[in-house]
Protein backbone atom coordinates (compact mmCIF):
# COMPACT_ATOMS: atom_id res chain seq x y z
CA MET A 1 0.00 0.00 0.00
CA SER A 2 1.49 3.31 -1.03
CA ASP A 3 -0.52 5.76 1.09
CA ASN A 4 0.77 5.12 4.60
CA VAL A 5 -1.35 6.30 7.50
CA HIS A 6 -0.66 6.65 11.22
CA TYR A 7 -3.06 5.01 13.64
CA SER A 8 -3.60 8.23 15.58
CA ASP A 9 -5.30 9.67 12.49
CA LEU A 10 -7.86 6.87 12.78
CA GLY A 11 -8.58 7.60 16.45
CA LEU A 12 -6.75 4.48 17.63
CA VAL A 13 -4.28 4.10 20.49
CA ASN A 14 -1.45 1.65 21.06
CA SER A 15 -1.54 -0.83 23.94
CA ARG A 16 1.06 0.72 26.27
CA ASP A 17 -1.22 2.71 28.61
CA MET A 18 -3.85 -0.02 28.49
CA PHE A 19 -1.35 -2.56 29.79
CA ASP A 20 0.10 -0.28 32.47
CA LYS A 21 -3.37 0.25 33.91
CA ALA A 22 -4.28 -3.42 33.63
CA VAL A 23 -1.17 -4.56 35.50
CA ASP A 24 -1.90 -2.07 38.29
CA GLY A 25 -5.61 -2.88 38.36
CA GLY A 26 -5.48 -6.67 38.31
CA TYR A 27 -7.51 -7.20 35.17
CA ALA A 28 -6.89 -8.11 31.53
CA ILE A 29 -7.62 -6.18 28.35
CA PRO A 30 -9.93 -8.14 26.05
CA ALA A 31 -8.50 -8.86 22.62
CA TYR A 32 -11.34 -9.95 20.36
CA ASN A 33 -10.75 -11.20 16.84
CA PHE A 34 -13.09 -10.10 14.08
CA ASN A 35 -13.55 -11.09 10.45
CA ASN A 36 -16.65 -9.18 9.39
CA LEU A 37 -18.88 -6.19 10.08
CA GLU A 38 -21.24 -7.90 12.51
CA GLN A 39 -18.45 -9.18 14.72
CA LEU A 40 -16.87 -5.73 14.90
CA GLN A 41 -20.21 -4.08 15.65
CA ALA A 42 -20.79 -6.54 18.49
CA ILE A 43 -17.34 -5.96 19.97
CA VAL A 44 -17.72 -2.18 19.92
CA THR A 45 -21.29 -2.23 21.22
CA ALA A 46 -20.49 -4.57 24.12
CA CYS A 47 -17.27 -2.81 25.13
CA ALA A 48 -18.91 0.61 24.97
CA ALA A 49 -21.83 -0.67 27.05
CA THR A 50 -19.47 -2.10 29.69
CA SER A 51 -17.00 0.80 29.48
CA SER A 52 -14.14 -1.55 28.70
CA PRO A 53 -10.94 -0.77 26.82
CA VAL A 54 -10.58 -3.10 23.88
CA ILE A 55 -8.09 -4.52 21.43
CA ILE A 56 -9.72 -5.40 18.13
CA GLN A 57 -7.48 -7.82 16.34
CA VAL A 58 -7.19 -9.56 13.02
CA SER A 59 -5.11 -12.53 12.05
CA LYS A 60 -3.05 -12.61 8.88
CA GLY A 61 -5.81 -14.68 7.29
CA ALA A 62 -8.57 -12.32 8.40
CA ARG A 63 -6.59 -9.39 7.02
CA GLU A 64 -6.43 -11.08 3.63
CA TYR A 65 -10.12 -11.97 3.84
CA ALA A 66 -11.31 -8.47 4.73
CA ASN A 67 -8.88 -6.42 2.59
CA GLU A 68 -6.31 -4.14 4.18
CA THR A 69 -7.90 -0.90 2.98
CA MET A 70 -11.33 -1.96 4.18
CA LEU A 71 -9.90 -2.84 7.60
CA ARG A 72 -8.47 0.65 8.01
CA PHE A 73 -11.85 2.26 7.58
CA MET A 74 -13.62 -0.39 9.64
CA ALA A 75 -11.27 0.42 12.52
CA MET A 76 -11.87 4.14 12.14
CA GLY A 77 -15.60 3.44 12.00
CA ALA A 78 -15.38 1.38 15.19
CA VAL A 79 -13.89 4.33 17.06
CA LYS A 80 -16.51 6.72 15.72
CA MET A 81 -19.29 4.25 16.50
CA ALA A 82 -18.19 4.06 20.13
CA ARG A 83 -18.04 7.86 20.37
CA GLU A 84 -21.54 8.15 18.93
CA MET A 85 -22.69 5.75 21.65
CA GLY A 86 -21.35 8.26 24.17
CA SER A 87 -18.35 6.12 25.06
CA ASP A 88 -14.73 7.24 24.98
CA ILE A 89 -13.24 3.76 25.28
CA PRO A 90 -9.68 3.34 24.02
CA VAL A 91 -9.50 1.14 20.91
CA CYS A 92 -6.33 -0.58 19.71
CA LEU A 93 -6.07 -2.29 16.31
CA HIS A 94 -3.74 -5.28 16.57
CA LEU A 95 -2.25 -7.79 14.14
CA ASP A 96 -2.59 -11.26 15.63
CA HIS A 97 0.14 -13.78 14.77
CA GLY A 98 2.07 -11.89 12.15
CA ASP A 99 4.67 -14.38 10.98
CA THR A 100 7.11 -12.20 9.02
CA PHE A 101 8.68 -8.77 9.24
CA GLU A 102 7.04 -7.84 5.93
CA VAL A 103 3.50 -8.55 7.21
CA CYS A 104 4.13 -6.55 10.39
CA LYS A 105 5.62 -3.63 8.46
CA SER A 106 2.65 -3.59 6.10
CA CYS A 107 0.27 -3.38 9.06
CA VAL A 108 2.23 -0.56 10.71
CA ASP A 109 2.10 1.35 7.42
CA ALA A 110 -1.64 0.67 7.09
CA GLY A 111 -2.59 2.19 10.44
CA PHE A 112 -2.41 -0.68 12.93
CA SER A 113 -1.49 0.57 16.39
CA SER A 114 -0.07 -2.75 17.60
CA VAL A 115 1.43 -5.81 15.91
CA MET A 116 2.41 -9.28 16.99
CA ILE A 117 5.43 -10.95 15.49
CA ASP A 118 5.21 -14.66 16.20
CA GLY A 119 8.67 -16.11 15.84
CA SER A 120 8.00 -18.96 18.25
CA HIS A 121 8.41 -21.54 15.49
CA HIS A 122 12.02 -20.38 15.00
CA SER A 123 15.04 -21.08 17.17
CA PHE A 124 15.49 -18.75 20.14
CA ASP A 125 18.12 -16.63 18.39
CA GLU A 126 16.12 -16.44 15.15
CA ASN A 127 13.03 -15.46 17.15
CA VAL A 128 15.03 -12.71 18.83
CA GLU A 129 16.36 -11.49 15.48
CA VAL A 130 13.02 -11.19 13.67
CA THR A 131 11.27 -9.78 16.76
CA ARG A 132 13.93 -7.11 17.25
CA LYS A 133 13.68 -6.13 13.59
CA VAL A 134 9.92 -5.62 13.90
CA VAL A 135 10.35 -3.67 17.15
CA GLU A 136 12.92 -1.34 15.59
CA TYR A 137 10.56 -0.50 12.73
CA ALA A 138 7.31 -0.32 14.71
CA HIS A 139 8.72 1.86 17.48
CA LYS A 140 9.62 4.53 14.93
CA TYR A 141 5.86 5.09 14.65
CA ASP A 142 5.05 4.43 18.34
CA VAL A 143 3.38 1.13 17.44
CA THR A 144 3.58 -1.45 20.21
CA VAL A 145 4.88 -4.95 19.57
CA GLU A 146 3.96 -8.32 21.05
CA GLY A 147 6.41 -11.21 20.84
CA GLU A 148 5.99 -14.88 21.72
CA LEU A 149 8.03 -17.49 23.57
CA GLY A 150 6.75 -21.04 23.67
CA VAL A 151 4.44 -22.76 21.20
CA LEU A 152 0.70 -23.30 21.62
CA ALA A 153 -0.94 -26.47 20.36
CA GLY A 154 -4.05 -26.44 18.21
CA ILE A 155 -5.20 -24.97 14.94
CA GLU A 156 -6.81 -21.58 14.33
CA ASP A 157 -6.53 -19.76 11.01
CA GLU A 158 -2.98 -20.30 9.79
CA VAL A 159 -1.60 -20.98 13.29
CA GLU A 160 -0.89 -24.68 13.68
CA ALA A 161 1.16 -26.77 16.08
CA GLU A 162 1.03 -30.45 16.95
CA ALA A 163 1.94 -30.11 20.61
CA SER A 164 2.40 -27.41 23.19
CA THR A 165 5.86 -26.35 24.26
CA TYR A 166 5.71 -24.45 27.53
CA THR A 167 7.55 -21.16 27.81
CA LYS A 168 10.89 -21.53 29.58
CA PRO A 169 11.03 -18.90 32.35
CA GLU A 170 14.82 -18.79 32.17
CA GLU A 171 14.59 -17.39 28.62
CA VAL A 172 12.20 -14.50 29.17
CA GLU A 173 14.61 -11.93 30.58
CA GLU A 174 17.08 -12.30 27.73
CA PHE A 175 14.30 -12.28 25.14
CA VAL A 176 12.69 -9.10 26.47
CA GLU A 177 16.04 -7.35 26.89
CA ARG A 178 17.38 -8.26 23.45
CA THR A 179 14.19 -7.54 21.50
CA GLY A 180 12.67 -4.52 23.25
CA VAL A 181 9.13 -5.95 22.93
CA ASP A 182 6.26 -4.26 24.75
CA SER A 183 4.44 -7.47 25.71
CA LEU A 184 5.08 -11.19 25.67
CA ALA A 185 2.76 -14.05 24.75
CA ILE A 186 3.56 -17.19 26.73
CA SER A 187 2.51 -20.84 26.68
CA ILE A 188 1.17 -22.21 29.99
CA GLY A 189 -1.40 -24.70 28.76
CA THR A 190 -3.84 -22.79 26.57
CA SER A 191 -4.18 -23.76 22.91
CA HIS A 192 -5.71 -22.53 19.69
CA GLY A 193 -9.08 -23.55 18.33
CA ALA A 194 -12.17 -25.18 19.84
CA TYR A 195 -10.53 -28.51 20.71
CA LYS A 196 -8.06 -27.41 23.35
CA PHE A 197 -7.92 -30.63 25.38
CA LYS A 198 -8.55 -34.32 24.70
CA LEU A 199 -10.47 -35.60 27.68
CA GLY A 200 -11.42 -39.16 28.54
CA PRO A 201 -14.68 -40.08 30.28
CA GLY A 202 -14.90 -38.30 33.61
CA GLU A 203 -11.70 -36.33 33.07
CA GLU A 204 -11.53 -32.61 33.79
CA VAL A 205 -9.60 -29.90 31.98
CA PRO A 206 -6.05 -29.79 33.37
CA PRO A 207 -5.19 -26.55 35.19
CA LEU A 208 -3.04 -23.94 33.53
CA ARG A 209 0.61 -23.91 34.56
CA PHE A 210 0.40 -21.06 37.02
CA ASP A 211 3.77 -22.12 38.42
CA ILE A 212 5.37 -21.13 35.10
CA LEU A 213 3.44 -17.85 35.08
CA GLU A 214 4.56 -17.03 38.63
CA GLU A 215 8.19 -17.74 37.80
CA ILE A 216 7.97 -15.49 34.75
CA GLU A 217 6.44 -12.73 36.88
CA LYS A 218 9.39 -12.94 39.26
CA ARG A 219 11.89 -12.68 36.43
CA ILE A 220 10.22 -9.78 34.58
CA PRO A 221 8.05 -8.04 37.20
CA ARG A 222 5.23 -5.82 35.89
CA PHE A 223 5.96 -6.82 32.31
CA PRO A 224 2.76 -7.27 30.26
CA ILE A 225 2.00 -10.95 29.65
CA VAL A 226 -0.43 -12.21 26.98
CA LEU A 227 -2.49 -15.41 26.86
CA HIS A 228 -3.46 -16.79 23.46
CA GLY A 229 -5.95 -19.58 22.88
CA ALA A 230 -8.01 -18.50 25.88
CA SER A 231 -11.57 -19.18 24.76
CA SER A 232 -13.67 -21.21 27.18
CA VAL A 233 -15.51 -22.98 24.34
CA VAL A 234 -18.96 -22.27 25.81
CA GLN A 235 -20.73 -25.61 25.90
CA SER A 236 -24.22 -24.19 25.32
CA TYR A 237 -23.00 -22.99 21.90
CA VAL A 238 -21.40 -26.33 21.10
CA GLU A 239 -24.67 -28.08 22.01
CA LEU A 240 -26.68 -25.66 19.87
CA ILE A 241 -24.39 -26.18 16.89
CA ASN A 242 -24.69 -29.95 17.23
CA GLN A 243 -28.45 -29.74 17.73
CA TYR A 244 -28.87 -27.94 14.42
CA GLY A 245 -26.74 -30.10 12.19
CA GLY A 246 -23.20 -29.37 13.33
CA LYS A 247 -20.57 -31.87 14.39
CA MET A 248 -18.33 -30.63 17.18
CA ASP A 249 -17.73 -33.62 19.40
CA GLY A 250 -15.19 -33.16 22.18
CA ALA A 251 -14.80 -29.38 21.89
CA VAL A 252 -13.59 -28.04 25.25
CA GLY A 253 -11.75 -24.91 26.37
CA VAL A 254 -10.18 -23.14 29.32
CA PRO A 255 -12.49 -22.77 32.37
CA GLU A 256 -13.43 -19.17 33.04
CA GLU A 257 -12.29 -19.30 36.67
CA GLN A 258 -8.75 -20.10 35.52
CA LEU A 259 -8.79 -17.14 33.14
CA ARG A 260 -10.04 -14.85 35.91
CA LYS A 261 -7.16 -15.99 38.11
CA ALA A 262 -4.70 -15.29 35.29
CA ALA A 263 -6.21 -11.85 34.69
CA LYS A 264 -5.50 -10.87 38.28
CA SER A 265 -1.78 -11.51 37.74
CA ALA A 266 0.66 -10.08 35.19
CA VAL A 267 -1.54 -11.35 32.36
CA CYS A 268 -2.96 -8.12 30.97
CA LYS A 269 -4.17 -9.24 27.52
CA ILE A 270 -6.35 -12.27 26.89
CA ASN A 271 -7.18 -13.33 23.33
CA ILE A 272 -10.68 -14.60 22.61
CA ASP A 273 -11.56 -15.82 19.13
CA SER A 274 -13.14 -19.29 19.15
CA ASP A 275 -15.90 -18.33 21.59
CA GLY A 276 -17.01 -15.56 19.25
CA ARG A 277 -17.00 -17.92 16.28
CA LEU A 278 -19.06 -20.47 18.23
CA ALA A 279 -21.65 -17.88 19.30
CA VAL A 280 -22.09 -16.65 15.73
CA THR A 281 -22.24 -20.13 14.22
CA ALA A 282 -24.68 -21.43 16.85
CA LYS A 283 -27.14 -18.59 16.34
CA VAL A 284 -26.92 -18.65 12.54
CA ARG A 285 -27.60 -22.40 12.53
CA GLU A 286 -30.48 -22.03 14.98
CA PHE A 287 -32.07 -19.15 13.07
CA LEU A 288 -31.89 -20.84 9.67
CA ALA A 289 -33.21 -24.13 11.04
CA ASN A 290 -36.18 -22.37 12.61
CA ASN A 291 -36.74 -20.04 9.64
CA PRO A 292 -36.09 -22.20 6.57
CA ALA A 293 -37.70 -19.72 4.15
CA GLU A 294 -35.55 -16.78 5.34
CA PHE A 295 -32.72 -15.62 3.06
CA ASP A 296 -32.00 -12.10 4.34
CA PRO A 297 -28.45 -12.10 5.80
CA ARG A 298 -29.42 -9.22 8.09
CA LYS A 299 -31.84 -11.50 9.88
CA TYR A 300 -29.55 -14.41 10.70
CA LEU A 301 -26.41 -12.30 11.11
CA GLY A 302 -28.40 -9.88 13.25
CA ALA A 303 -29.35 -12.73 15.56
CA ALA A 304 -25.70 -13.77 15.74
CA ARG A 305 -24.57 -10.21 16.46
CA LYS A 306 -27.08 -9.90 19.32
CA GLU A 307 -25.75 -13.08 20.95
CA LEU A 308 -22.14 -12.03 20.50
CA ILE A 309 -22.84 -8.73 22.28
CA GLU A 310 -24.09 -10.61 25.33
CA LEU A 311 -21.12 -12.98 25.29
CA ILE A 312 -18.62 -10.13 25.19
CA LYS A 313 -20.38 -8.25 27.99
CA HIS A 314 -20.11 -11.38 30.11
CA LYS A 315 -16.42 -11.82 29.33
CA ASN A 316 -15.63 -8.21 30.22
CA GLU A 317 -17.61 -8.25 33.46
CA ALA A 318 -17.11 -11.74 34.87
CA VAL A 319 -13.91 -13.12 33.33
CA LEU A 320 -11.46 -10.39 32.35
CA GLY A 321 -12.47 -7.77 34.89
CA SER A 322 -12.12 -5.01 32.28
CA ALA A 323 -15.64 -3.59 32.63
CA GLY A 324 -15.60 -0.02 33.94
CA LYS A 325 -11.85 0.35 33.30
CA ALA A 326 -11.97 2.54 30.18
C-alpha cells in the first residue's frame, strides 16, 4: 500500500497505557478477533456498554479476507461508532500472529497501532532477530509490539502446532532485553481452536501452569503478559451447533475461573476468538433451522450479532475484569 497512515489519524491508540493500567488494576484487556462487520459491531457495542478498553485484532488470514484498505476504515468506524454511543473507550487495532517482518511492516504502514510478530516456530536466536527487527521498525511510529516465547498447540486460522511447548522462564529476561518488545505471549497450557484438550470419560480440563506464570512474573516483574488460545468454548453454543446439524464432538476450552485468576496476575491481555466464532455459528444455525424460508443475511447475522454482544459483555464483566476500566 502506497498511502501510509498513522493510527492516531484513525482515532486508535497503542496498547502501552492499556497494559500499564491493567497490571496495576489486576484485570486483563480483552483482545477480540473479528472477520466481518457484525463481529466488529458486536465488539464495539459490548465494550462501549461495559465501558471496557478493547483490542480489536485480526489474524493474517482475516486481514487477507477483509482487505487491508477496508480494515483501516472499519477500525476508524469502530472508534466513531463508540463515540456516537457516548463512550470514549480506548481502541487498539492489533495484528494477531504476524509471521514475518514484511507482514508486520505492512500493518504498521496501514494504520495498525499494535502488531504481533510470532517467531515462536524459529530457534530462540532467530526469534530474537526477527522480533527485534519488527520492534525497531514499529517503534519509529510508536506502534507497540507483542512477541511470543513457547508454542501453543491447536489450529486456528494459519496458526498450527502439533503439541504445546511451555515457555521456559529462564529465557524471558534475555528475550525481552534483546528484543525490546512491549508485551510477551507465553505458553502455559492454553491452545488454539475449539478442541483445546482431549479428555477421557470423567476427566476434567487440566489446570493452567500457574507455576510457570509465577516464575515469569518474578523474572520480569510488571511486564505485560499475553495469553493466546483462551476461549472457554462455551458448551451451550457447542450443544446448539450440534443440535442444528453441526458436528463438534469433544470441543472443550479453558475454564473461566482459571482465566479470571490469570487476569489478576501479570496477564494483561487475553485473546478470545473461538468463543465468538461459536456464538455466531450457533445462532446462525439455529435461526436458519427455525426459519427455513428466510434468506436475508441481516436476519440471521443480526441474531448472531445480538448473541455475541451478550457474550462479550459477560467476558468483560465476569472473566477479564475489564468492565468499567476505560
